[in-house]
Amino acid sequence: MKLEWLQPTAFLGSILYAVIGVVVFWVCFIIVDKITPYDLWREIVEKQNQALALVVAAMCLGISIIVAAAIH
């Protein structure tokens, strides 16, 4: 059984793609936060808007799936 994923090039490549994925996710989240007409943090945390929290969670999952598919 070979452990090719433990080679330094494969390991560093995986780390690099993970960092790129996180950066792309955060950029997308910031863009969505800026184009919404209200402050997402204040609505979710201070006003306890559970419906908006669910929509934002679904958006985060969607962005994550798209980024993962693009990197894969």
N, C-alpha and C. Protein backbone atom coordinates (compact mmCIF):
# COMPACT_ATOMS: atom_id res chain seq x y z
N MET A 1 0.84 -1.18 0.00
CA MET A 1 0.00 0.00 0.00
C MET A 1 0.88 1.24 0.00
N LYS A 2 0.72 2.03 -1.04
CA LYS A 2 1.51 3.25 -1.13
C LYS A 2 0.76 4.42 -0.51
N LEU A 3 1.49 5.26 0.11
CA LEU A 3 0.92 6.47 0.71
C LEU A 3 1.38 7.68 -0.11
N GLU A 4 0.83 7.80 -1.31
CA GLU A 4 1.25 8.89 -2.19
C GLU A 4 0.84 10.26 -1.66
N TRP A 5 -0.23 10.29 -0.89
CA TRP A 5 -0.70 11.57 -0.39
C TRP A 5 0.20 12.13 0.71
N LEU A 6 1.13 11.30 1.23
CA LEU A 6 2.06 11.79 2.24
C LEU A 6 3.33 12.38 1.65
N GLN A 7 3.49 12.29 0.35
CA GLN A 7 4.65 12.90 -0.27
C GLN A 7 4.56 14.41 -0.11
N PRO A 8 5.70 15.08 0.03
CA PRO A 8 5.68 16.53 0.29
C PRO A 8 4.96 17.33 -0.78
N THR A 9 5.11 16.98 -2.05
CA THR A 9 4.45 17.77 -3.09
C THR A 9 2.92 17.61 -3.02
N ALA A 10 2.44 16.41 -2.80
CA ALA A 10 1.00 16.19 -2.70
C ALA A 10 0.44 16.86 -1.44
N PHE A 11 1.15 16.76 -0.35
CA PHE A 11 0.70 17.37 0.91
C PHE A 11 0.65 18.89 0.79
N LEU A 12 1.70 19.48 0.26
CA LEU A 12 1.73 20.94 0.11
C LEU A 12 0.70 21.42 -0.91
N GLY A 13 0.47 20.62 -1.95
CA GLY A 13 -0.56 20.96 -2.92
C GLY A 13 -1.94 20.96 -2.29
N SER A 14 -2.20 19.99 -1.43
CA SER A 14 -3.49 19.93 -0.73
C SER A 14 -3.67 21.12 0.19
N ILE A 15 -2.63 21.47 0.90
CA ILE A 15 -2.70 22.64 1.79
C ILE A 15 -2.93 23.91 0.98
N LEU A 16 -2.24 24.04 -0.15
CA LEU A 16 -2.40 25.22 -1.00
C LEU A 16 -3.83 25.33 -1.52
N TYR A 17 -4.39 24.22 -2.00
CA TYR A 17 -5.76 24.25 -2.50
C TYR A 17 -6.77 24.54 -1.39
N ALA A 18 -6.49 24.05 -0.19
CA ALA A 18 -7.38 24.34 0.94
C ALA A 18 -7.36 25.83 1.27
N VAL A 19 -6.18 26.44 1.26
CA VAL A 19 -6.07 27.87 1.53
C VAL A 19 -6.76 28.67 0.44
N ILE A 20 -6.56 28.29 -0.81
CA ILE A 20 -7.22 28.98 -1.92
C ILE A 20 -8.74 28.86 -1.78
N GLY A 21 -9.23 27.69 -1.42
CA GLY A 21 -10.67 27.50 -1.24
C GLY A 21 -11.24 28.37 -0.14
N VAL A 22 -10.53 28.48 0.98
CA VAL A 22 -11.00 29.31 2.08
C VAL A 22 -11.00 30.78 1.68
N VAL A 23 -9.98 31.22 0.97
CA VAL A 23 -9.91 32.62 0.53
C VAL A 23 -11.04 32.93 -0.45
N VAL A 24 -11.27 32.05 -1.41
CA VAL A 24 -12.37 32.26 -2.36
C VAL A 24 -13.71 32.29 -1.64
N PHE A 25 -13.90 31.40 -0.67
CA PHE A 25 -15.14 31.39 0.10
C PHE A 25 -15.35 32.71 0.82
N TRP A 26 -14.33 33.21 1.50
CA TRP A 26 -14.48 34.46 2.25
C TRP A 26 -14.72 35.65 1.33
N VAL A 27 -14.07 35.66 0.17
CA VAL A 27 -14.31 36.75 -0.78
C VAL A 27 -15.76 36.72 -1.25
N CYS A 28 -16.26 35.55 -1.57
CA CYS A 28 -17.66 35.42 -1.98
C CYS A 28 -18.61 35.83 -0.86
N PHE A 29 -18.31 35.44 0.35
CA PHE A 29 -19.17 35.80 1.48
C PHE A 29 -19.18 37.31 1.70
N ILE A 30 -18.03 37.94 1.58
CA ILE A 30 -17.95 39.40 1.75
C ILE A 30 -18.74 40.11 0.65
N ILE A 31 -18.65 39.60 -0.57
CA ILE A 31 -19.41 40.19 -1.67
C ILE A 31 -20.91 40.09 -1.40
N VAL A 32 -21.36 38.92 -0.97
CA VAL A 32 -22.78 38.74 -0.66
C VAL A 32 -23.19 39.64 0.50
N ASP A 33 -22.34 39.78 1.50
CA ASP A 33 -22.64 40.64 2.63
C ASP A 33 -22.76 42.10 2.20
N LYS A 34 -21.95 42.52 1.24
CA LYS A 34 -21.98 43.91 0.78
C LYS A 34 -23.19 44.19 -0.10
N ILE A 35 -23.68 43.20 -0.85
CA ILE A 35 -24.80 43.48 -1.76
C ILE A 35 -26.16 43.33 -1.08
N THR A 36 -26.19 42.80 0.13
CA THR A 36 -27.46 42.74 0.86
C THR A 36 -27.78 44.12 1.41
N PRO A 37 -29.07 44.46 1.49
CA PRO A 37 -29.43 45.82 1.91
C PRO A 37 -29.31 46.09 3.41
N TYR A 38 -28.91 45.11 4.20
CA TYR A 38 -28.80 45.29 5.65
C TYR A 38 -27.57 44.58 6.17
N ASP A 39 -27.23 44.86 7.41
CA ASP A 39 -26.05 44.26 8.03
C ASP A 39 -26.38 42.84 8.49
N LEU A 40 -25.76 41.84 7.86
CA LEU A 40 -26.07 40.45 8.19
C LEU A 40 -25.76 40.13 9.64
N TRP A 41 -24.62 40.59 10.15
CA TRP A 41 -24.22 40.26 11.51
C TRP A 41 -25.23 40.80 12.53
N ARG A 42 -25.65 42.06 12.35
CA ARG A 42 -26.59 42.67 13.29
C ARG A 42 -27.95 41.95 13.23
N GLU A 43 -28.39 41.61 12.04
CA GLU A 43 -29.67 40.93 11.89
C GLU A 43 -29.66 39.54 12.53
N ILE A 44 -28.57 38.81 12.34
CA ILE A 44 -28.52 37.44 12.84
C ILE A 44 -28.22 37.39 14.33
N VAL A 45 -27.24 38.15 14.79
CA VAL A 45 -26.80 38.05 16.18
C VAL A 45 -27.65 38.91 17.12
N GLU A 46 -27.83 40.17 16.78
CA GLU A 46 -28.52 41.06 17.71
C GLU A 46 -30.04 40.91 17.65
N LYS A 47 -30.59 40.79 16.43
CA LYS A 47 -32.04 40.69 16.30
C LYS A 47 -32.54 39.25 16.28
N GLN A 48 -31.63 38.28 16.33
CA GLN A 48 -31.97 36.85 16.37
C GLN A 48 -32.87 36.43 15.20
N ASN A 49 -32.53 36.89 14.01
CA ASN A 49 -33.30 36.56 12.81
C ASN A 49 -32.90 35.16 12.33
N GLN A 50 -33.68 34.16 12.73
CA GLN A 50 -33.34 32.78 12.42
C GLN A 50 -33.56 32.44 10.96
N ALA A 51 -34.55 33.07 10.34
CA ALA A 51 -34.79 32.81 8.92
C ALA A 51 -33.60 33.28 8.08
N LEU A 52 -33.09 34.46 8.39
CA LEU A 52 -31.92 34.96 7.67
C LEU A 52 -30.70 34.10 7.95
N ALA A 53 -30.55 33.62 9.15
CA ALA A 53 -29.43 32.75 9.49
C ALA A 53 -29.48 31.46 8.68
N LEU A 54 -30.68 30.93 8.48
CA LEU A 54 -30.84 29.72 7.68
C LEU A 54 -30.50 29.98 6.21
N VAL A 55 -30.91 31.12 5.70
CA VAL A 55 -30.60 31.48 4.31
C VAL A 55 -29.09 31.68 4.13
N VAL A 56 -28.45 32.33 5.08
CA VAL A 56 -27.00 32.56 5.01
C VAL A 56 -26.26 31.22 5.12
N ALA A 57 -26.73 30.31 5.97
CA ALA A 57 -26.11 29.00 6.08
C ALA A 57 -26.23 28.22 4.78
N ALA A 58 -27.38 28.28 4.14
CA ALA A 58 -27.56 27.61 2.85
C ALA A 58 -26.66 28.23 1.79
N MET A 59 -26.52 29.55 1.83
CA MET A 59 -25.63 30.23 0.89
C MET A 59 -24.18 29.80 1.11
N CYS A 60 -23.78 29.68 2.36
CA CYS A 60 -22.41 29.24 2.67
C CYS A 60 -22.16 27.82 2.18
N LEU A 61 -23.13 26.94 2.37
CA LEU A 61 -22.98 25.58 1.86
C LEU A 61 -22.90 25.56 0.34
N GLY A 62 -23.71 26.37 -0.31
CA GLY A 62 -23.68 26.44 -1.77
C GLY A 62 -22.35 26.94 -2.29
N ILE A 63 -21.84 28.00 -1.69
CA ILE A 63 -20.53 28.52 -2.10
C ILE A 63 -19.45 27.48 -1.85
N SER A 64 -19.52 26.80 -0.73
CA SER A 64 -18.52 25.77 -0.41
C SER A 64 -18.53 24.63 -1.42
N ILE A 65 -19.72 24.20 -1.81
CA ILE A 65 -19.82 23.12 -2.80
C ILE A 65 -19.27 23.57 -4.15
N ILE A 66 -19.56 24.80 -4.55
CA ILE A 66 -19.05 25.31 -5.82
C ILE A 66 -17.53 25.43 -5.79
N VAL A 67 -16.98 25.95 -4.70
CA VAL A 67 -15.52 26.09 -4.59
C VAL A 67 -14.85 24.70 -4.58
N ALA A 68 -15.44 23.76 -3.85
CA ALA A 68 -14.87 22.41 -3.80
C ALA A 68 -14.90 21.75 -5.18
N ALA A 69 -16.00 21.93 -5.90
CA ALA A 69 -16.09 21.34 -7.24
C ALA A 69 -15.10 22.00 -8.20
N ALA A 70 -14.92 23.30 -8.06
CA ALA A 70 -13.96 23.99 -8.94
C ALA A 70 -12.53 23.56 -8.66
N ILE A 71 -12.20 23.34 -7.40
CA ILE A 71 -10.85 22.92 -7.06
C ILE A 71 -10.62 21.46 -7.41
N HIS A 72 -11.64 20.64 -7.25
CA HIS A 72 -11.51 19.22 -7.51
C HIS A 72 -11.29 18.97 -9.00
